[in-house]
Amino acid sequence: MNVGIKTTVILPEPSTLLGVADETLAKSLAHEIERFAGTGCVAIASTLSQLRQFSGRAAPEVMVIDFELFGAAALAGPVRELRAIAPVILLAPLEQQAAVSSLVGAGDIEFVARSGDFIPLTAALIERKLRSAEMSRSVLGMSWAEFPDNIGSVFRHEINNPLTGILGNAELVLSHRDKLTSADIQRLQTVVDLAVRLRETIRRLSDGWENQAHSVKSA
């Protein structure tokens, strides 16, 4: 299969969107994705505005973004904004990890240090994201007995993706609190607090669901 590399148009259903300005790096990533993941289409955006345009017109299952695409801008805000659209794998020097540590710690993004032979690791993470997305689609219409043992993590993934977008956008607006009224700040903080609580509830319920499913199938 040949990887479709497009820099000016969106592919029909790009499962992977690369935000990479360096053409050599973009091509190396695309070919490694083909070799390792062996599935889906790849689209390439060479500028941040192009990445936003592409991601807004299609729904990629994963985005790989090189830190150089952001130029001198702070990483956390734009990364959080894009994470609301699809799972993000950020490529950046190790010293940049502190700038997105809260997102990494919350499991909102994957961070790959851009040093050494980092391309195969990136492809492996992409393959895992694509496999998770495929599993999410495949469970629709199944009977309970046919559900995979990790159905809880599948549903957690499907719910947490949009929930992360809600949380990320609320926090992004809150970062401009100097322009908000105290009432607006309080409402947004309530949204953030409820989103965090809901994410923890989903985690506990999905863990319990997986344990119950395992018990039923073992009986």
C-alpha atoms as a PDB file:
ATOM      1  CA  MET A   1       0.000   0.000   0.000  1.00  0.00           C
ATOM      2  CA  ASN A   2       1.287   3.432  -0.860  1.00  0.00           C
ATOM      3  CA  VAL A   3       0.852   6.140   1.729  1.00  0.00           C
ATOM      4  CA  GLY A   4      -1.083   9.122   0.383  1.00  0.00           C
ATOM      5  CA  ILE A   5       0.996  12.207   1.188  1.00  0.00           C
ATOM      6  CA  LYS A   6      -0.957  15.414   0.706  1.00  0.00           C
ATOM      7  CA  THR A   7       0.115  18.898   1.712  1.00  0.00           C
ATOM      8  CA  THR A   8      -2.655  21.001   0.158  1.00  0.00           C
ATOM      9  CA  VAL A   9      -5.785  18.849   0.203  1.00  0.00           C
ATOM     10  CA  ILE A  10      -7.398  16.525   2.688  1.00  0.00           C
ATOM     11  CA  LEU A  11      -7.594  12.848   1.889  1.00  0.00           C
ATOM     12  CA  PRO A  12     -11.091  11.296   1.918  1.00  0.00           C
ATOM     13  CA  GLU A  13     -10.717   9.782   5.394  1.00  0.00           C
ATOM     14  CA  PRO A  14      -7.280  10.540   6.827  1.00  0.00           C
ATOM     15  CA  SER A  15      -6.792   8.404   9.909  1.00  0.00           C
ATOM     16  CA  THR A  16      -3.475  10.112  10.695  1.00  0.00           C
ATOM     17  CA  LEU A  17      -2.769  13.818  10.311  1.00  0.00           C
ATOM     18  CA  LEU A  18       0.857  14.934  10.489  1.00  0.00           C
ATOM     19  CA  GLY A  19       1.607  18.524  11.429  1.00  0.00           C
ATOM     20  CA  VAL A  20       5.240  18.674  10.343  1.00  0.00           C
ATOM     21  CA  ALA A  21       7.027  21.547   8.605  1.00  0.00           C
ATOM     22  CA  ASP A  22      10.173  19.576   7.764  1.00  0.00           C
ATOM     23  CA  GLU A  23       9.389  17.725   4.515  1.00  0.00           C
ATOM     24  CA  THR A  24      12.084  15.082   5.070  1.00  0.00           C
ATOM     25  CA  LEU A  25      10.783  14.296   8.554  1.00  0.00           C
ATOM     26  CA  ALA A  26       7.186  14.217   7.279  1.00  0.00           C
ATOM     27  CA  LYS A  27       8.040  11.699   4.564  1.00  0.00           C
ATOM     28  CA  SER A  28      10.048   9.542   6.984  1.00  0.00           C
ATOM     29  CA  LEU A  29       7.125   9.478   9.414  1.00  0.00           C
ATOM     30  CA  ALA A  30       4.627   8.678   6.656  1.00  0.00           C
ATOM     31  CA  HIS A  31       6.677   5.747   5.380  1.00  0.00           C
ATOM     32  CA  GLU A  32       7.280   4.413   8.893  1.00  0.00           C
ATOM     33  CA  ILE A  33       3.546   4.623   9.619  1.00  0.00           C
ATOM     34  CA  GLU A  34       2.895   2.579   6.481  1.00  0.00           C
ATOM     35  CA  ARG A  35       5.496   0.016   7.478  1.00  0.00           C
ATOM     36  CA  PHE A  36       4.505  -0.258  11.129  1.00  0.00           C
ATOM     37  CA  ALA A  37       0.766   0.455  11.216  1.00  0.00           C
ATOM     38  CA  GLY A  38       0.022  -0.697   7.676  1.00  0.00           C
ATOM     39  CA  THR A  39      -3.430   0.858   7.641  1.00  0.00           C
ATOM     40  CA  GLY A  40      -5.289   4.087   7.062  1.00  0.00           C
ATOM     41  CA  CYS A  41      -4.431   7.238   5.141  1.00  0.00           C
ATOM     42  CA  VAL A  42      -1.931   9.914   6.081  1.00  0.00           C
ATOM     43  CA  ALA A  43      -2.357  13.627   5.431  1.00  0.00           C
ATOM     44  CA  ILE A  44       0.385  16.192   6.006  1.00  0.00           C
ATOM     45  CA  ALA A  45       0.019  19.817   7.034  1.00  0.00           C
ATOM     46  CA  SER A  46       3.181  21.910   6.829  1.00  0.00           C
ATOM     47  CA  THR A  47       1.909  24.962   8.756  1.00  0.00           C
ATOM     48  CA  LEU A  48      -0.150  25.461  11.896  1.00  0.00           C
ATOM     49  CA  SER A  49      -2.943  27.213  10.010  1.00  0.00           C
ATOM     50  CA  GLN A  50      -3.035  24.338   7.533  1.00  0.00           C
ATOM     51  CA  LEU A  51      -3.175  21.846  10.388  1.00  0.00           C
ATOM     52  CA  ARG A  52      -6.139  23.673  11.923  1.00  0.00           C
ATOM     53  CA  GLN A  53      -7.854  23.839   8.539  1.00  0.00           C
ATOM     54  CA  PHE A  54      -7.310  20.154   7.799  1.00  0.00           C
ATOM     55  CA  SER A  55      -8.356  18.967  11.257  1.00  0.00           C
ATOM     56  CA  GLY A  56     -11.493  21.103  11.084  1.00  0.00           C
ATOM     57  CA  ARG A  57     -12.563  19.645   7.742  1.00  0.00           C
ATOM     58  CA  ALA A  58     -11.932  15.995   8.582  1.00  0.00           C
ATOM     59  CA  ALA A  59     -11.845  13.910  11.719  1.00  0.00           C
ATOM     60  CA  PRO A  60      -8.433  12.212  11.985  1.00  0.00           C
ATOM     61  CA  GLU A  61      -8.098   9.431  14.521  1.00  0.00           C
ATOM     62  CA  VAL A  62      -4.705  10.707  15.636  1.00  0.00           C
ATOM     63  CA  MET A  63      -2.569  13.791  15.047  1.00  0.00           C
ATOM     64  CA  VAL A  64       1.225  13.875  15.207  1.00  0.00           C
ATOM     65  CA  ILE A  65       2.511  17.416  15.697  1.00  0.00           C
ATOM     66  CA  ASP A  66       6.108  18.557  15.585  1.00  0.00           C
ATOM     67  CA  PHE A  67       6.853  21.379  18.049  1.00  0.00           C
ATOM     68  CA  GLU A  68       8.524  23.433  15.308  1.00  0.00           C
ATOM     69  CA  LEU A  69       5.083  24.020  13.801  1.00  0.00           C
ATOM     70  CA  PHE A  70       4.270  26.344  16.714  1.00  0.00           C
ATOM     71  CA  GLY A  71       7.274  28.618  16.186  1.00  0.00           C
ATOM     72  CA  ALA A  72       7.826  30.859  19.200  1.00  0.00           C
ATOM     73  CA  ALA A  73       4.291  30.332  20.552  1.00  0.00           C
ATOM     74  CA  ALA A  74       3.727  28.556  23.857  1.00  0.00           C
ATOM     75  CA  LEU A  75       2.946  24.876  23.376  1.00  0.00           C
ATOM     76  CA  ALA A  76       0.225  24.151  25.940  1.00  0.00           C
ATOM     77  CA  GLY A  77      -2.577  26.321  24.536  1.00  0.00           C
ATOM     78  CA  PRO A  78      -2.446  25.222  20.870  1.00  0.00           C
ATOM     79  CA  VAL A  79      -1.831  21.584  21.808  1.00  0.00           C
ATOM     80  CA  ARG A  80      -4.860  21.601  24.128  1.00  0.00           C
ATOM     81  CA  GLU A  81      -6.952  23.178  21.379  1.00  0.00           C
ATOM     82  CA  LEU A  82      -5.969  20.507  18.859  1.00  0.00           C
ATOM     83  CA  ARG A  83      -6.357  17.712  21.419  1.00  0.00           C
ATOM     84  CA  ALA A  84     -10.030  18.624  21.561  1.00  0.00           C
ATOM     85  CA  ILE A  85     -10.296  17.367  17.970  1.00  0.00           C
ATOM     86  CA  ALA A  86      -8.267  14.147  18.105  1.00  0.00           C
ATOM     87  CA  PRO A  87      -5.618  12.365  20.190  1.00  0.00           C
ATOM     88  CA  VAL A  88      -2.273  14.153  19.877  1.00  0.00           C
ATOM     89  CA  ILE A  89       1.281  12.821  19.792  1.00  0.00           C
ATOM     90  CA  LEU A  90       3.682  15.729  20.301  1.00  0.00           C
ATOM     91  CA  LEU A  91       7.235  15.557  18.972  1.00  0.00           C
ATOM     92  CA  ALA A  92       9.557  17.926  20.805  1.00  0.00           C
ATOM     93  CA  PRO A  93      12.961  18.139  22.510  1.00  0.00           C
ATOM     94  CA  LEU A  94      12.935  16.666  26.015  1.00  0.00           C
ATOM     95  CA  GLU A  95      13.322  20.104  27.603  1.00  0.00           C
ATOM     96  CA  GLN A  96       9.929  21.077  26.154  1.00  0.00           C
ATOM     97  CA  GLN A  97       8.138  18.382  28.129  1.00  0.00           C
ATOM     98  CA  ALA A  98       7.720  20.655  31.151  1.00  0.00           C
ATOM     99  CA  ALA A  99       5.628  23.034  29.030  1.00  0.00           C
ATOM    100  CA  VAL A 100       2.974  20.344  28.505  1.00  0.00           C
ATOM    101  CA  SER A 101       3.544  18.288  31.655  1.00  0.00           C
ATOM    102  CA  SER A 102      -0.038  18.778  32.885  1.00  0.00           C
ATOM    103  CA  LEU A 103      -1.420  17.434  29.591  1.00  0.00           C
ATOM    104  CA  VAL A 104       0.988  14.488  29.613  1.00  0.00           C
ATOM    105  CA  GLY A 105       0.271  13.741  33.263  1.00  0.00           C
ATOM    106  CA  ALA A 106      -3.480  13.723  32.664  1.00  0.00           C
ATOM    107  CA  GLY A 107      -3.042  11.327  29.742  1.00  0.00           C
ATOM    108  CA  ASP A 108      -4.387  13.933  27.321  1.00  0.00           C
ATOM    109  CA  ILE A 109      -1.414  13.714  24.952  1.00  0.00           C
ATOM    110  CA  GLU A 110       1.562  11.478  24.217  1.00  0.00           C
ATOM    111  CA  PHE A 111       4.999  13.093  24.325  1.00  0.00           C
ATOM    112  CA  VAL A 112       7.856  11.750  22.211  1.00  0.00           C
ATOM    113  CA  ALA A 113      11.295  13.249  22.759  1.00  0.00           C
ATOM    114  CA  ARG A 114      12.688  14.285  19.405  1.00  0.00           C
ATOM    115  CA  SER A 115      16.084  12.699  19.779  1.00  0.00           C
ATOM    116  CA  GLY A 116      17.775   9.516  18.633  1.00  0.00           C
ATOM    117  CA  ASP A 117      15.661   7.053  16.658  1.00  0.00           C
ATOM    118  CA  PHE A 118      12.263   8.472  17.695  1.00  0.00           C
ATOM    119  CA  ILE A 119      10.364   7.747  14.466  1.00  0.00           C
ATOM    120  CA  PRO A 120       9.662   4.012  15.123  1.00  0.00           C
ATOM    121  CA  LEU A 121       8.354   4.868  18.610  1.00  0.00           C
ATOM    122  CA  THR A 122       6.049   7.472  17.082  1.00  0.00           C
ATOM    123  CA  ALA A 123       4.744   4.948  14.555  1.00  0.00           C
ATOM    124  CA  ALA A 124       4.127   2.423  17.338  1.00  0.00           C
ATOM    125  CA  LEU A 125       2.059   4.962  19.280  1.00  0.00           C
ATOM    126  CA  ILE A 126       0.079   5.792  16.137  1.00  0.00           C
ATOM    127  CA  GLU A 127      -0.621   2.102  15.544  1.00  0.00           C
ATOM    128  CA  ARG A 128      -1.902   1.799  19.112  1.00  0.00           C
ATOM    129  CA  LYS A 129      -4.225   4.801  18.659  1.00  0.00           C
ATOM    130  CA  LEU A 130      -5.547   3.436  15.366  1.00  0.00           C
ATOM    131  CA  ARG A 131      -6.099  -0.009  16.879  1.00  0.00           C
ATOM    132  CA  SER A 132      -8.019   1.538  19.763  1.00  0.00           C
ATOM    133  CA  ALA A 133     -10.188   3.537  17.359  1.00  0.00           C
ATOM    134  CA  GLU A 134     -10.872   0.427  15.268  1.00  0.00           C
ATOM    135  CA  MET A 135     -11.852  -1.547  18.356  1.00  0.00           C
ATOM    136  CA  SER A 136     -14.217   1.241  19.391  1.00  0.00           C
ATOM    137  CA  ARG A 137     -15.984   1.010  16.038  1.00  0.00           C
ATOM    138  CA  SER A 138     -16.098  -2.783  16.047  1.00  0.00           C
ATOM    139  CA  VAL A 139     -17.933  -3.136  19.368  1.00  0.00           C
ATOM    140  CA  LEU A 140     -21.041  -1.369  18.057  1.00  0.00           C
ATOM    141  CA  GLY A 141     -23.875  -3.852  17.625  1.00  0.00           C
ATOM    142  CA  MET A 142     -22.182  -6.646  19.567  1.00  0.00           C
ATOM    143  CA  SER A 143     -24.019  -8.774  22.096  1.00  0.00           C
ATOM    144  CA  TRP A 144     -22.695  -8.731  25.665  1.00  0.00           C
ATOM    145  CA  ALA A 145     -21.015 -12.125  25.233  1.00  0.00           C
ATOM    146  CA  GLU A 146     -19.106 -10.834  22.216  1.00  0.00           C
ATOM    147  CA  PHE A 147     -17.728  -7.741  23.953  1.00  0.00           C
ATOM    148  CA  PRO A 148     -13.948  -7.779  24.407  1.00  0.00           C
ATOM    149  CA  ASP A 149     -12.677  -7.984  27.974  1.00  0.00           C
ATOM    150  CA  ASN A 150     -11.388  -4.412  27.761  1.00  0.00           C
ATOM    151  CA  ILE A 151     -14.748  -2.943  26.731  1.00  0.00           C
ATOM    152  CA  GLY A 152     -14.534  -0.575  29.687  1.00  0.00           C
ATOM    153  CA  SER A 153     -11.360   1.019  28.354  1.00  0.00           C
ATOM    154  CA  VAL A 154     -12.956   1.312  24.902  1.00  0.00           C
ATOM    155  CA  PHE A 155     -15.915   3.252  26.266  1.00  0.00           C
ATOM    156  CA  ARG A 156     -13.600   5.265  28.497  1.00  0.00           C
ATOM    157  CA  HIS A 157     -11.652   6.248  25.396  1.00  0.00           C
ATOM    158  CA  GLU A 158     -14.791   7.228  23.472  1.00  0.00           C
ATOM    159  CA  ILE A 159     -16.208   9.335  26.319  1.00  0.00           C
ATOM    160  CA  ASN A 160     -12.944  10.858  27.461  1.00  0.00           C
ATOM    161  CA  ASN A 161     -12.052  12.183  24.004  1.00  0.00           C
ATOM    162  CA  PRO A 162     -14.901  14.726  23.834  1.00  0.00           C
ATOM    163  CA  LEU A 163     -14.691  15.243  27.596  1.00  0.00           C
ATOM    164  CA  THR A 164     -11.038  16.212  27.238  1.00  0.00           C
ATOM    165  CA  GLY A 165     -12.080  18.718  24.600  1.00  0.00           C
ATOM    166  CA  ILE A 166     -14.620  20.263  26.970  1.00  0.00           C
ATOM    167  CA  LEU A 167     -12.084  20.423  29.774  1.00  0.00           C
ATOM    168  CA  GLY A 168      -9.291  21.751  27.572  1.00  0.00           C
ATOM    169  CA  ASN A 169     -11.379  24.509  26.043  1.00  0.00           C
ATOM    170  CA  ALA A 170     -12.759  25.592  29.415  1.00  0.00           C
ATOM    171  CA  GLU A 171      -9.237  25.788  30.831  1.00  0.00           C
ATOM    172  CA  LEU A 172      -8.089  27.696  27.751  1.00  0.00           C
ATOM    173  CA  VAL A 173     -10.797  30.324  28.267  1.00  0.00           C
ATOM    174  CA  LEU A 174      -9.962  30.471  31.980  1.00  0.00           C
ATOM    175  CA  SER A 175      -6.363  31.284  31.108  1.00  0.00           C
ATOM    176  CA  HIS A 176      -7.725  34.682  29.966  1.00  0.00           C
ATOM    177  CA  ARG A 177      -9.497  35.295  33.264  1.00  0.00           C
ATOM    178  CA  ASP A 178      -8.372  38.918  33.328  1.00  0.00           C
ATOM    179  CA  LYS A 179     -10.923  39.560  30.551  1.00  0.00           C
ATOM    180  CA  LEU A 180     -13.775  37.676  32.272  1.00  0.00           C
ATOM    181  CA  THR A 181     -16.268  38.668  34.912  1.00  0.00           C
ATOM    182  CA  SER A 182     -16.142  36.941  38.283  1.00  0.00           C
ATOM    183  CA  ALA A 183     -19.437  35.183  37.452  1.00  0.00           C
ATOM    184  CA  ASP A 184     -18.037  33.860  34.166  1.00  0.00           C
ATOM    185  CA  ILE A 185     -14.915  32.620  35.925  1.00  0.00           C
ATOM    186  CA  GLN A 186     -17.017  30.815  38.523  1.00  0.00           C
ATOM    187  CA  ARG A 187     -19.164  29.134  35.849  1.00  0.00           C
ATOM    188  CA  LEU A 188     -16.130  28.022  33.848  1.00  0.00           C
ATOM    189  CA  GLN A 189     -14.421  26.724  36.974  1.00  0.00           C
ATOM    190  CA  THR A 190     -17.566  24.701  37.693  1.00  0.00           C
ATOM    191  CA  VAL A 191     -17.357  23.212  34.177  1.00  0.00           C
ATOM    192  CA  VAL A 192     -13.709  22.266  34.789  1.00  0.00           C
ATOM    193  CA  ASP A 193     -14.434  20.748  38.209  1.00  0.00           C
ATOM    194  CA  LEU A 194     -17.389  18.728  36.901  1.00  0.00           C
ATOM    195  CA  ALA A 195     -15.407  17.509  33.874  1.00  0.00           C
ATOM    196  CA  VAL A 196     -12.580  16.321  36.126  1.00  0.00           C
ATOM    197  CA  ARG A 197     -15.078  14.593  38.433  1.00  0.00           C
ATOM    198  CA  LEU A 198     -16.828  12.967  35.474  1.00  0.00           C
ATOM    199  CA  ARG A 199     -13.523  11.706  34.069  1.00  0.00           C
ATOM    200  CA  GLU A 200     -12.730  10.038  37.402  1.00  0.00           C
ATOM    201  CA  THR A 201     -16.240   8.544  37.601  1.00  0.00           C
ATOM    202  CA  ILE A 202     -15.873   7.137  34.078  1.00  0.00           C
ATOM    203  CA  ARG A 203     -12.547   5.589  35.050  1.00  0.00           C
ATOM    204  CA  ARG A 204     -14.030   3.856  38.091  1.00  0.00           C
ATOM    205  CA  LEU A 205     -17.148   2.652  36.238  1.00  0.00           C
ATOM    206  CA  SER A 206     -15.198   1.340  33.249  1.00  0.00           C
ATOM    207  CA  ASP A 207     -12.807  -0.529  35.542  1.00  0.00           C
ATOM    208  CA  GLY A 208     -15.802  -2.099  37.290  1.00  0.00           C
ATOM    209  CA  TRP A 209     -17.412  -2.908  33.928  1.00  0.00           C
ATOM    210  CA  GLU A 210     -14.290  -4.727  32.754  1.00  0.00           C
ATOM    211  CA  ASN A 211     -14.123  -6.725  35.978  1.00  0.00           C
ATOM    212  CA  GLN A 212     -17.809  -7.671  35.652  1.00  0.00           C
ATOM    213  CA  ALA A 213     -17.394  -8.673  32.005  1.00  0.00           C
ATOM    214  CA  HIS A 214     -14.433 -10.867  32.922  1.00  0.00           C
ATOM    215  CA  SER A 215     -16.439 -12.553  35.696  1.00  0.00           C
ATOM    216  CA  VAL A 216     -19.417 -13.232  33.383  1.00  0.00           C
ATOM    217  CA  LYS A 217     -17.223 -14.776  30.693  1.00  0.00           C
ATOM    218  CA  SER A 218     -15.324 -16.874  33.213  1.00  0.00           C
ATOM    219  CA  ALA A 219     -18.501 -18.283  34.756  1.00  0.00           C
END
